[in-house]
Amino acid sequence: MMQDQLLINRLQAQDRTAIGNLYDAYGAALFGVVLRIVQQRELAEQVLQDTFVKAWRNGASYDASKGRLFTWLLNIARNTAIDATRTAHFQKSRKTDSLDSIVHSPGGESINPDQIGVREVVNRLDEKYKKLIDLIYFQGYTQEEAAEETGIPLGTIKTRLRYAINELRGIFTAN
C-alpha cells in the first residue's frame, strides 16, 4: 500500500519515471486481463500501451477512496480492451481469424478442437446444426451475426442452437 501511494504521488506529479514503475508493477497482470478480452496478442499489446497512456493523462483523477490503484488501472485496461473489440476492424478480423488463433488456453498454448474430439462430435450433427455451431462457437459470431450471415431468422437460430447443444450434451454424457 505504501508503495502504491508513492506511485500515485509520482504519477499525479507527472514524474516520468512513475509510468515505468507502474508498468513494472502491474503490466503483466493487466496484459493477462486484456489478452483474455481481445484474444489477439498484438492488439493486447496496443491496448496495454493505451492503458498506461490514459493512466498518465488521467493520474490526477485517481481517487483512493474509490479503490486501490490496481483496481483503477484494471478498469482503464478493461474499458480500453472492450472499446477495442467494438471497432469495425476488430469485428471483421475476428470473423476471418483461424480457429487456432481464436481459442487459447490460459497458458497461451493453442487448443485444437480436433485433438480433443470436439469437431468429430459436432460433425455427427445434421448439417443445419453443424453450420450454426461452427459459426457461433468456432468462429465467434453472435447469434444476430449468424442470422444475418445465413439469412435464417434469429428465433430459428436460437431454437436450432438449443437443439444442437442438447444433442451434443447427450453425445458427451454418453461417452
N, C-alpha and C. Protein backbone atom coordinates (compact mmCIF):
# COMPACT_ATOMS: atom_id res chain seq x y z
N MET A 1 0.82 -1.20 0.00
CA MET A 1 0.00 0.00 0.00
C MET A 1 0.86 1.27 0.00
N MET A 2 1.94 1.24 0.79
CA MET A 2 2.82 2.40 0.86
C MET A 2 3.47 2.63 -0.50
N GLN A 3 3.85 1.54 -1.16
CA GLN A 3 4.45 1.62 -2.49
C GLN A 3 3.46 2.22 -3.48
N ASP A 4 2.20 1.79 -3.42
CA ASP A 4 1.17 2.34 -4.30
C ASP A 4 1.01 3.84 -4.08
N GLN A 5 1.00 4.27 -2.84
CA GLN A 5 0.82 5.70 -2.54
C GLN A 5 1.96 6.51 -3.13
N LEU A 6 3.17 5.96 -3.06
CA LEU A 6 4.33 6.63 -3.65
C LEU A 6 4.14 6.75 -5.17
N LEU A 7 3.71 5.64 -5.80
CA LEU A 7 3.47 5.66 -7.24
C LEU A 7 2.39 6.67 -7.61
N ILE A 8 1.33 6.71 -6.84
CA ILE A 8 0.22 7.64 -7.10
C ILE A 8 0.72 9.08 -7.01
N ASN A 9 1.47 9.38 -5.97
CA ASN A 9 2.01 10.74 -5.80
C ASN A 9 2.89 11.12 -6.98
N ARG A 10 3.74 10.20 -7.41
CA ARG A 10 4.64 10.46 -8.55
C ARG A 10 3.85 10.60 -9.84
N LEU A 11 2.84 9.77 -10.01
CA LEU A 11 2.01 9.84 -11.21
C LEU A 11 1.27 11.18 -11.27
N GLN A 12 0.71 11.59 -10.16
CA GLN A 12 -0.03 12.84 -10.11
C GLN A 12 0.88 14.05 -10.27
N ALA A 13 2.14 13.89 -9.91
CA ALA A 13 3.12 14.97 -10.08
C ALA A 13 3.73 14.93 -11.49
N GLN A 14 3.26 13.99 -12.32
CA GLN A 14 3.75 13.81 -13.69
C GLN A 14 5.25 13.48 -13.74
N ASP A 15 5.70 12.71 -12.77
CA ASP A 15 7.07 12.21 -12.74
C ASP A 15 7.18 11.14 -13.83
N ARG A 16 8.02 11.38 -14.82
CA ARG A 16 8.10 10.49 -15.99
C ARG A 16 8.55 9.07 -15.63
N THR A 17 9.28 8.90 -14.56
CA THR A 17 9.72 7.56 -14.18
C THR A 17 8.60 6.75 -13.54
N ALA A 18 7.54 7.41 -13.12
CA ALA A 18 6.43 6.72 -12.46
C ALA A 18 5.74 5.73 -13.39
N ILE A 19 5.60 6.10 -14.64
CA ILE A 19 4.87 5.22 -15.58
C ILE A 19 5.64 3.91 -15.79
N GLY A 20 6.95 3.98 -15.82
CA GLY A 20 7.77 2.77 -15.94
C GLY A 20 7.62 1.87 -14.72
N ASN A 21 7.58 2.49 -13.56
CA ASN A 21 7.38 1.72 -12.33
C ASN A 21 5.98 1.12 -12.27
N LEU A 22 4.99 1.86 -12.74
CA LEU A 22 3.62 1.33 -12.80
C LEU A 22 3.58 0.11 -13.73
N TYR A 23 4.23 0.26 -14.87
CA TYR A 23 4.26 -0.85 -15.83
C TYR A 23 4.94 -2.08 -15.22
N ASP A 24 6.07 -1.86 -14.57
CA ASP A 24 6.79 -2.98 -13.95
C ASP A 24 5.93 -3.67 -12.89
N ALA A 25 5.18 -2.87 -12.14
CA ALA A 25 4.38 -3.43 -11.04
C ALA A 25 3.10 -4.12 -11.53
N TYR A 26 2.47 -3.57 -12.56
CA TYR A 26 1.14 -4.05 -12.93
C TYR A 26 0.99 -4.50 -14.39
N GLY A 27 2.01 -4.29 -15.20
CA GLY A 27 1.90 -4.59 -16.63
C GLY A 27 1.52 -6.03 -16.95
N ALA A 28 2.16 -6.98 -16.30
CA ALA A 28 1.90 -8.40 -16.61
C ALA A 28 0.47 -8.79 -16.25
N ALA A 29 0.01 -8.37 -15.10
CA ALA A 29 -1.36 -8.72 -14.67
C ALA A 29 -2.39 -8.08 -15.60
N LEU A 30 -2.18 -6.82 -15.96
CA LEU A 30 -3.12 -6.14 -16.85
C LEU A 30 -3.10 -6.76 -18.25
N PHE A 31 -1.90 -7.15 -18.70
CA PHE A 31 -1.80 -7.76 -20.02
C PHE A 31 -2.62 -9.05 -20.08
N GLY A 32 -2.57 -9.84 -19.02
CA GLY A 32 -3.35 -11.09 -18.98
C GLY A 32 -4.84 -10.83 -19.10
N VAL A 33 -5.33 -9.81 -18.42
CA VAL A 33 -6.75 -9.47 -18.49
C VAL A 33 -7.11 -8.99 -19.89
N VAL A 34 -6.30 -8.11 -20.44
CA VAL A 34 -6.56 -7.55 -21.77
C VAL A 34 -6.53 -8.65 -22.82
N LEU A 35 -5.56 -9.55 -22.74
CA LEU A 35 -5.45 -10.63 -23.72
C LEU A 35 -6.68 -11.53 -23.70
N ARG A 36 -7.22 -11.78 -22.51
CA ARG A 36 -8.44 -12.60 -22.42
C ARG A 36 -9.61 -11.91 -23.12
N ILE A 37 -9.65 -10.60 -23.10
CA ILE A 37 -10.75 -9.87 -23.71
C ILE A 37 -10.59 -9.79 -25.22
N VAL A 38 -9.40 -9.38 -25.69
CA VAL A 38 -9.23 -9.15 -27.13
C VAL A 38 -8.77 -10.39 -27.88
N GLN A 39 -8.15 -11.34 -27.21
CA GLN A 39 -7.74 -12.63 -27.76
C GLN A 39 -6.76 -12.53 -28.94
N GLN A 40 -6.07 -11.41 -29.03
CA GLN A 40 -5.05 -11.23 -30.06
C GLN A 40 -3.85 -10.54 -29.42
N ARG A 41 -2.72 -11.19 -29.43
CA ARG A 41 -1.53 -10.70 -28.72
C ARG A 41 -1.13 -9.29 -29.16
N GLU A 42 -1.07 -9.06 -30.45
CA GLU A 42 -0.64 -7.75 -30.95
C GLU A 42 -1.60 -6.64 -30.50
N LEU A 43 -2.89 -6.91 -30.58
CA LEU A 43 -3.89 -5.94 -30.14
C LEU A 43 -3.81 -5.74 -28.62
N ALA A 44 -3.58 -6.80 -27.89
CA ALA A 44 -3.46 -6.70 -26.43
C ALA A 44 -2.28 -5.81 -26.05
N GLU A 45 -1.18 -5.91 -26.78
CA GLU A 45 -0.02 -5.06 -26.50
C GLU A 45 -0.36 -3.59 -26.74
N GLN A 46 -1.10 -3.32 -27.82
CA GLN A 46 -1.52 -1.95 -28.12
C GLN A 46 -2.47 -1.42 -27.05
N VAL A 47 -3.42 -2.25 -26.64
CA VAL A 47 -4.38 -1.85 -25.61
C VAL A 47 -3.65 -1.57 -24.30
N LEU A 48 -2.67 -2.39 -23.96
CA LEU A 48 -1.91 -2.17 -22.73
C LEU A 48 -1.17 -0.83 -22.78
N GLN A 49 -0.58 -0.55 -23.92
CA GLN A 49 0.10 0.74 -24.08
C GLN A 49 -0.90 1.89 -23.93
N ASP A 50 -2.05 1.77 -24.57
CA ASP A 50 -3.09 2.80 -24.45
C ASP A 50 -3.55 2.97 -23.01
N THR A 51 -3.60 1.86 -22.28
CA THR A 51 -4.00 1.90 -20.87
C THR A 51 -3.04 2.77 -20.06
N PHE A 52 -1.75 2.57 -20.26
CA PHE A 52 -0.79 3.34 -19.49
C PHE A 52 -0.73 4.81 -19.94
N VAL A 53 -1.00 5.07 -21.21
CA VAL A 53 -1.09 6.46 -21.67
C VAL A 53 -2.28 7.14 -20.99
N LYS A 54 -3.42 6.45 -20.93
CA LYS A 54 -4.60 7.01 -20.27
C LYS A 54 -4.34 7.22 -18.78
N ALA A 55 -3.66 6.29 -18.15
CA ALA A 55 -3.33 6.43 -16.73
C ALA A 55 -2.44 7.66 -16.52
N TRP A 56 -1.49 7.85 -17.41
CA TRP A 56 -0.59 9.00 -17.32
C TRP A 56 -1.37 10.31 -17.45
N ARG A 57 -2.23 10.35 -18.45
CA ARG A 57 -3.00 11.58 -18.71
C ARG A 57 -4.03 11.87 -17.61
N ASN A 58 -4.56 10.81 -17.00
CA ASN A 58 -5.65 10.98 -16.03
C ASN A 58 -5.22 10.67 -14.60
N GLY A 59 -3.94 10.71 -14.33
CA GLY A 59 -3.45 10.41 -12.99
C GLY A 59 -4.06 11.28 -11.91
N ALA A 60 -4.33 12.51 -12.26
CA ALA A 60 -4.92 13.44 -11.27
C ALA A 60 -6.33 13.02 -10.89
N SER A 61 -6.99 12.23 -11.71
CA SER A 61 -8.38 11.84 -11.42
C SER A 61 -8.45 10.62 -10.49
N TYR A 62 -7.31 9.99 -10.20
CA TYR A 62 -7.34 8.83 -9.31
C TYR A 62 -7.80 9.25 -7.93
N ASP A 63 -8.75 8.51 -7.37
CA ASP A 63 -9.30 8.80 -6.04
C ASP A 63 -9.17 7.53 -5.19
N ALA A 64 -8.27 7.57 -4.22
CA ALA A 64 -8.01 6.40 -3.38
C ALA A 64 -9.24 5.96 -2.60
N SER A 65 -10.17 6.85 -2.35
CA SER A 65 -11.37 6.47 -1.59
C SER A 65 -12.30 5.57 -2.42
N LYS A 66 -12.10 5.55 -3.73
CA LYS A 66 -12.95 4.72 -4.60
C LYS A 66 -12.35 3.35 -4.90
N GLY A 67 -11.10 3.12 -4.52
CA GLY A 67 -10.49 1.82 -4.76
C GLY A 67 -8.99 1.91 -4.84
N ARG A 68 -8.37 0.73 -4.89
CA ARG A 68 -6.92 0.64 -4.97
C ARG A 68 -6.43 1.06 -6.35
N LEU A 69 -5.14 1.34 -6.41
CA LEU A 69 -4.51 1.75 -7.67
C LEU A 69 -4.68 0.67 -8.72
N PHE A 70 -4.46 -0.60 -8.33
CA PHE A 70 -4.61 -1.68 -9.29
C PHE A 70 -6.02 -1.74 -9.86
N THR A 71 -7.02 -1.54 -9.02
CA THR A 71 -8.41 -1.58 -9.46
C THR A 71 -8.67 -0.46 -10.47
N TRP A 72 -8.14 0.71 -10.21
CA TRP A 72 -8.28 1.84 -11.13
C TRP A 72 -7.64 1.52 -12.48
N LEU A 73 -6.42 0.98 -12.45
CA LEU A 73 -5.73 0.61 -13.69
C LEU A 73 -6.47 -0.52 -14.41
N LEU A 74 -6.98 -1.47 -13.64
CA LEU A 74 -7.72 -2.58 -14.22
C LEU A 74 -8.97 -2.10 -14.95
N ASN A 75 -9.67 -1.16 -14.37
CA ASN A 75 -10.86 -0.60 -15.02
C ASN A 75 -10.50 0.12 -16.31
N ILE A 76 -9.41 0.87 -16.29
CA ILE A 76 -8.96 1.54 -17.52
C ILE A 76 -8.63 0.50 -18.58
N ALA A 77 -7.88 -0.53 -18.20
CA ALA A 77 -7.47 -1.58 -19.15
C ALA A 77 -8.69 -2.32 -19.70
N ARG A 78 -9.59 -2.69 -18.83
CA ARG A 78 -10.79 -3.43 -19.24
C ARG A 78 -11.63 -2.60 -20.21
N ASN A 79 -11.87 -1.36 -19.87
CA ASN A 79 -12.68 -0.50 -20.73
C ASN A 79 -12.00 -0.24 -22.07
N THR A 80 -10.69 -0.06 -22.06
CA THR A 80 -9.95 0.15 -23.30
C THR A 80 -10.01 -1.11 -24.18
N ALA A 81 -9.89 -2.28 -23.56
CA ALA A 81 -9.97 -3.54 -24.31
C ALA A 81 -11.36 -3.74 -24.90
N ILE A 82 -12.38 -3.45 -24.13
CA ILE A 82 -13.75 -3.59 -24.63
C ILE A 82 -13.98 -2.64 -25.79
N ASP A 83 -13.49 -1.41 -25.66
CA ASP A 83 -13.62 -0.45 -26.76
C ASP A 83 -12.93 -0.97 -28.01
N ALA A 84 -11.77 -1.59 -27.84
CA ALA A 84 -11.03 -2.13 -28.98
C ALA A 84 -11.81 -3.24 -29.68
N THR A 85 -12.54 -4.05 -28.90
CA THR A 85 -13.30 -5.14 -29.52
C THR A 85 -14.54 -4.64 -30.24
N ARG A 86 -14.94 -3.43 -29.98
CA ARG A 86 -16.14 -2.89 -30.62
C ARG A 86 -15.85 -2.22 -31.95
N THR A 87 -14.60 -2.06 -32.29
CA THR A 87 -14.27 -1.41 -33.56
C THR A 87 -14.63 -2.32 -34.73
N ALA A 88 -14.95 -1.71 -35.84
CA ALA A 88 -15.32 -2.47 -37.04
C ALA A 88 -14.16 -3.34 -37.51
N HIS A 89 -12.94 -2.82 -37.42
CA HIS A 89 -11.77 -3.58 -37.86
C HIS A 89 -11.62 -4.86 -37.03
N PHE A 90 -11.78 -4.75 -35.72
CA PHE A 90 -11.66 -5.92 -34.86
C PHE A 90 -12.74 -6.94 -35.19
N GLN A 91 -13.98 -6.49 -35.35
CA GLN A 91 -15.08 -7.40 -35.65
C GLN A 91 -14.81 -8.16 -36.94
N LYS A 92 -14.34 -7.45 -37.96
CA LYS A 92 -14.06 -8.10 -39.24
C LYS A 92 -12.90 -9.08 -39.13
N SER A 93 -11.84 -8.68 -38.45
CA SER A 93 -10.68 -9.57 -38.34
C SER A 93 -10.99 -10.79 -37.50
N ARG A 94 -11.85 -10.64 -36.53
CA ARG A 94 -12.21 -11.77 -35.67
C ARG A 94 -12.94 -12.84 -36.48
N LYS A 95 -13.78 -12.40 -37.41
CA LYS A 95 -14.54 -13.36 -38.21
C LYS A 95 -13.64 -14.12 -39.19
N THR A 96 -12.52 -13.51 -39.55
CA THR A 96 -11.65 -14.16 -40.53
C THR A 96 -10.46 -14.86 -39.90
N ASP A 97 -10.28 -14.74 -38.59
CA ASP A 97 -9.18 -15.43 -37.91
C ASP A 97 -9.37 -16.94 -38.00
N SER A 98 -8.27 -17.63 -38.00
CA SER A 98 -8.36 -19.08 -37.97
C SER A 98 -8.75 -19.54 -36.58
N LEU A 99 -9.24 -20.72 -36.47
CA LEU A 99 -9.66 -21.28 -35.19
C LEU A 99 -8.50 -21.32 -34.20
N ASP A 100 -7.31 -21.64 -34.68
CA ASP A 100 -6.15 -21.73 -33.78
C ASP A 100 -5.82 -20.40 -33.12
N SER A 101 -6.08 -19.28 -33.79
CA SER A 101 -5.75 -18.00 -33.17
C SER A 101 -6.87 -17.48 -32.30
N ILE A 102 -8.03 -18.09 -32.34
CA ILE A 102 -9.15 -17.65 -31.51
C ILE A 102 -9.16 -18.39 -30.19
N VAL A 103 -8.92 -19.69 -30.19
CA VAL A 103 -9.04 -20.50 -28.99
C VAL A 103 -7.67 -20.66 -28.35
N HIS A 104 -7.54 -20.14 -27.12
CA HIS A 104 -6.27 -20.23 -26.39
C HIS A 104 -6.53 -20.77 -25.00
N SER A 105 -5.57 -21.50 -24.52
CA SER A 105 -5.63 -21.91 -23.12
C SER A 105 -5.02 -20.79 -22.29
N PRO A 106 -5.23 -20.78 -20.97
CA PRO A 106 -4.66 -19.72 -20.15
C PRO A 106 -3.14 -19.60 -20.28
N GLY A 107 -2.45 -20.68 -20.59
CA GLY A 107 -1.01 -20.64 -20.73
C GLY A 107 -0.56 -20.09 -22.06
N GLY A 108 -1.48 -19.77 -22.95
CA GLY A 108 -1.15 -19.21 -24.24
C GLY A 108 -0.94 -20.25 -25.32
N GLU A 109 -1.07 -21.52 -24.99
CA GLU A 109 -0.90 -22.56 -25.99
C GLU A 109 -2.23 -22.76 -26.70
N SER A 110 -2.17 -23.00 -28.02
CA SER A 110 -3.39 -23.20 -28.77
C SER A 110 -4.03 -24.53 -28.42
N ILE A 111 -5.35 -24.50 -28.35
CA ILE A 111 -6.11 -25.74 -28.16
C ILE A 111 -6.75 -26.06 -29.50
N ASN A 112 -6.51 -27.21 -29.99
CA ASN A 112 -7.09 -27.61 -31.26
C ASN A 112 -8.29 -28.50 -30.98
N PRO A 113 -9.51 -28.04 -31.31
CA PRO A 113 -10.69 -28.84 -31.04
C PRO A 113 -10.64 -30.22 -31.71
N ASP A 114 -9.90 -30.33 -32.83
CA ASP A 114 -9.78 -31.63 -33.49
C ASP A 114 -9.04 -32.63 -32.61
N GLN A 115 -8.05 -32.14 -31.84
CA GLN A 115 -7.27 -33.03 -30.99
C GLN A 115 -8.07 -33.55 -29.81
N ILE A 116 -9.03 -32.78 -29.34
CA ILE A 116 -9.81 -33.24 -28.19
C ILE A 116 -11.15 -33.82 -28.61
N GLY A 117 -11.38 -33.93 -29.90
CA GLY A 117 -12.55 -34.64 -30.39
C GLY A 117 -13.82 -33.83 -30.55
N VAL A 118 -13.76 -32.54 -30.31
CA VAL A 118 -14.98 -31.72 -30.40
C VAL A 118 -15.50 -31.66 -31.83
N ARG A 119 -14.61 -31.42 -32.77
CA ARG A 119 -15.04 -31.34 -34.18
C ARG A 119 -15.70 -32.65 -34.64
N GLU A 120 -15.10 -33.74 -34.24
CA GLU A 120 -15.63 -35.05 -34.61
C GLU A 120 -17.07 -35.21 -34.13
N VAL A 121 -17.31 -34.80 -32.90
CA VAL A 121 -18.65 -34.91 -32.33
C VAL A 121 -19.61 -33.95 -33.02
N VAL A 122 -19.16 -32.73 -33.27
CA VAL A 122 -20.01 -31.74 -33.96
C VAL A 122 -20.34 -32.24 -35.37
N ASN A 123 -19.41 -32.91 -36.01
CA ASN A 123 -19.64 -33.41 -37.37
C ASN A 123 -20.72 -34.48 -37.43
N ARG A 124 -21.09 -35.05 -36.28
CA ARG A 124 -22.17 -36.04 -36.25
C ARG A 124 -23.55 -35.38 -36.37
N LEU A 125 -23.60 -34.09 -36.14
CA LEU A 125 -24.88 -33.37 -36.19
C LEU A 125 -25.36 -33.18 -37.62
N ASP A 126 -26.64 -32.93 -37.76
CA ASP A 126 -27.22 -32.58 -39.05
C ASP A 126 -26.55 -31.30 -39.54
N GLU A 127 -26.42 -31.13 -40.84
CA GLU A 127 -25.71 -30.00 -41.45
C GLU A 127 -26.21 -28.64 -40.95
N LYS A 128 -27.54 -28.50 -40.78
CA LYS A 128 -28.07 -27.19 -40.37
C LYS A 128 -27.63 -26.82 -38.96
N TYR A 129 -27.40 -27.81 -38.11
CA TYR A 129 -26.92 -27.55 -36.75
C TYR A 129 -25.41 -27.37 -36.75
N LYS A 130 -24.73 -28.18 -37.53
CA LYS A 130 -23.27 -28.14 -37.61
C LYS A 130 -22.80 -26.75 -38.06
N LYS A 131 -23.48 -26.19 -39.06
CA LYS A 131 -23.10 -24.87 -39.60
C LYS A 131 -23.25 -23.79 -38.53
N LEU A 132 -24.31 -23.84 -37.75
CA LEU A 132 -24.52 -22.84 -36.71
C LEU A 132 -23.50 -22.97 -35.58
N ILE A 133 -23.22 -24.20 -35.18
CA ILE A 133 -22.21 -24.42 -34.13
C ILE A 133 -20.86 -23.88 -34.61
N ASP A 134 -20.53 -24.14 -35.86
CA ASP A 134 -19.27 -23.66 -36.41
C ASP A 134 -19.21 -22.13 -36.39
N LEU A 135 -20.26 -21.48 -36.87
CA LEU A 135 -20.27 -20.01 -36.91
C LEU A 135 -20.17 -19.40 -35.51
N ILE A 136 -20.98 -19.90 -34.60
CA ILE A 136 -21.08 -19.25 -33.30
C ILE A 136 -19.98 -19.67 -32.33
N TYR A 137 -19.70 -20.96 -32.24
CA TYR A 137 -18.74 -21.40 -31.23
C TYR A 137 -17.31 -21.50 -31.73
N PHE A 138 -17.12 -21.76 -33.00
CA PHE A 138 -15.76 -21.87 -33.51
C PHE A 138 -15.27 -20.58 -34.17
N GLN A 139 -16.18 -19.80 -34.77
CA GLN A 139 -15.77 -18.58 -35.45
C GLN A 139 -16.11 -17.31 -34.68
N GLY A 140 -16.85 -17.43 -33.58
CA GLY A 140 -17.09 -16.29 -32.72
C GLY A 140 -18.20 -15.34 -33.13
N TYR A 141 -19.06 -15.77 -34.04
CA TYR A 141 -20.19 -14.93 -34.44
C TYR A 141 -21.19 -14.83 -33.28
N THR A 142 -21.91 -13.72 -33.22
CA THR A 142 -23.04 -13.64 -32.31
C THR A 142 -24.23 -14.31 -32.99
N GLN A 143 -25.29 -14.56 -32.25
CA GLN A 143 -26.48 -15.16 -32.86
C GLN A 143 -27.05 -14.24 -33.93
N GLU A 144 -27.03 -12.94 -33.67
CA GLU A 144 -27.54 -11.97 -34.64
C GLU A 144 -26.70 -11.99 -35.92
N GLU A 145 -25.38 -12.05 -35.77
CA GLU A 145 -24.49 -12.10 -36.94
C GLU A 145 -24.70 -13.39 -37.72
N ALA A 146 -24.90 -14.49 -37.01
CA ALA A 146 -25.15 -15.77 -37.69
C ALA A 146 -26.46 -15.70 -38.47
N ALA A 147 -27.47 -15.07 -37.91
CA ALA A 147 -28.76 -14.92 -38.60
C ALA A 147 -28.57 -14.09 -39.88
N GLU A 148 -27.80 -13.03 -39.76
CA GLU A 148 -27.53 -12.18 -40.92
C GLU A 148 -26.73 -12.92 -41.98
N GLU A 149 -25.73 -13.65 -41.54
CA GLU A 149 -24.85 -14.39 -42.46
C GLU A 149 -25.60 -15.49 -43.22
N THR A 150 -26.49 -16.20 -42.51
CA THR A 150 -27.17 -17.34 -43.11
C THR A 150 -28.53 -17.01 -43.71
N GLY A 151 -29.09 -15.85 -43.32
CA GLY A 151 -30.43 -15.49 -43.79
C GLY A 151 -31.53 -16.23 -43.04
N ILE A 152 -31.18 -16.87 -41.94
CA ILE A 152 -32.15 -17.61 -41.12
C ILE A 152 -32.66 -16.66 -40.04
N PRO A 153 -33.96 -16.66 -39.75
CA PRO A 153 -34.49 -15.79 -38.69
C PRO A 153 -33.83 -16.07 -37.34
N LEU A 154 -33.67 -15.01 -36.55
CA LEU A 154 -33.00 -15.12 -35.26
C LEU A 154 -33.66 -16.15 -34.35
N GLY A 155 -34.98 -16.19 -34.33
CA GLY A 155 -35.69 -17.17 -33.49
C GLY A 155 -35.34 -18.60 -33.89
N THR A 156 -35.22 -18.84 -35.18
CA THR A 156 -34.86 -20.17 -35.67
C THR A 156 -33.42 -20.51 -35.29
N ILE A 157 -32.54 -19.52 -35.36
CA ILE A 157 -31.14 -19.72 -34.96
C ILE A 157 -31.11 -20.18 -33.50
N LYS A 158 -31.83 -19.48 -32.64
CA LYS A 158 -31.83 -19.81 -31.21
C LYS A 158 -32.39 -21.21 -30.96
N THR A 159 -33.46 -21.55 -31.65
CA THR A 159 -34.07 -22.87 -31.48
C THR A 159 -33.11 -23.97 -31.93
N ARG A 160 -32.50 -23.77 -33.09
CA ARG A 160 -31.56 -24.78 -33.61
C ARG A 160 -30.34 -24.93 -32.71
N LEU A 161 -29.84 -23.81 -32.18
CA LEU A 161 -28.69 -23.90 -31.28
C LEU A 161 -29.06 -24.66 -30.01
N ARG A 162 -30.21 -24.37 -29.46
CA ARG A 162 -30.66 -25.07 -28.25
C ARG A 162 -30.74 -26.57 -28.52
N TYR A 163 -31.32 -26.93 -29.67
CA TYR A 163 -31.42 -28.34 -30.05
C TYR A 163 -30.02 -28.96 -30.21
N ALA A 164 -29.14 -28.25 -30.93
CA ALA A 164 -27.80 -28.77 -31.18
C ALA A 164 -27.03 -28.97 -29.87
N ILE A 165 -27.14 -28.03 -28.97
CA ILE A 165 -26.43 -28.14 -27.69
C ILE A 165 -26.97 -29.32 -26.88
N ASN A 166 -28.27 -29.51 -26.90
CA ASN A 166 -28.84 -30.67 -26.21
C ASN A 166 -28.34 -31.97 -26.83
N GLU A 167 -28.26 -32.01 -28.15
CA GLU A 167 -27.73 -33.19 -28.84
C GLU A 167 -26.27 -33.44 -28.44
N LEU A 168 -25.47 -32.38 -28.44
CA LEU A 168 -24.06 -32.52 -28.06
C LEU A 168 -23.92 -32.95 -26.60
N ARG A 169 -24.75 -32.39 -25.75
CA ARG A 169 -24.73 -32.78 -24.35
C ARG A 169 -25.00 -34.28 -24.21
N GLY A 170 -25.98 -34.76 -24.97
CA GLY A 170 -26.29 -36.16 -24.94
C GLY A 170 -25.14 -37.04 -25.43
N ILE A 171 -24.49 -36.60 -26.48
CA ILE A 171 -23.35 -37.36 -27.03
C ILE A 171 -22.20 -37.39 -26.01
N PHE A 172 -21.89 -36.24 -25.42
CA PHE A 172 -20.77 -36.19 -24.48
C PHE A 172 -21.04 -36.95 -23.20
N THR A 173 -22.26 -36.94 -22.71
CA THR A 173 -22.56 -37.66 -21.47
C THR A 173 -22.63 -39.17 -21.72
N ALA A 174 -22.91 -39.56 -22.96
CA ALA A 174 -22.95 -40.99 -23.28
C ALA A 174 -21.56 -41.58 -23.38
N ASN A 175 -20.58 -40.73 -23.69
CA ASN A 175 -19.20 -41.23 -23.86
C ASN A 175 -18.46 -41.32 -22.58
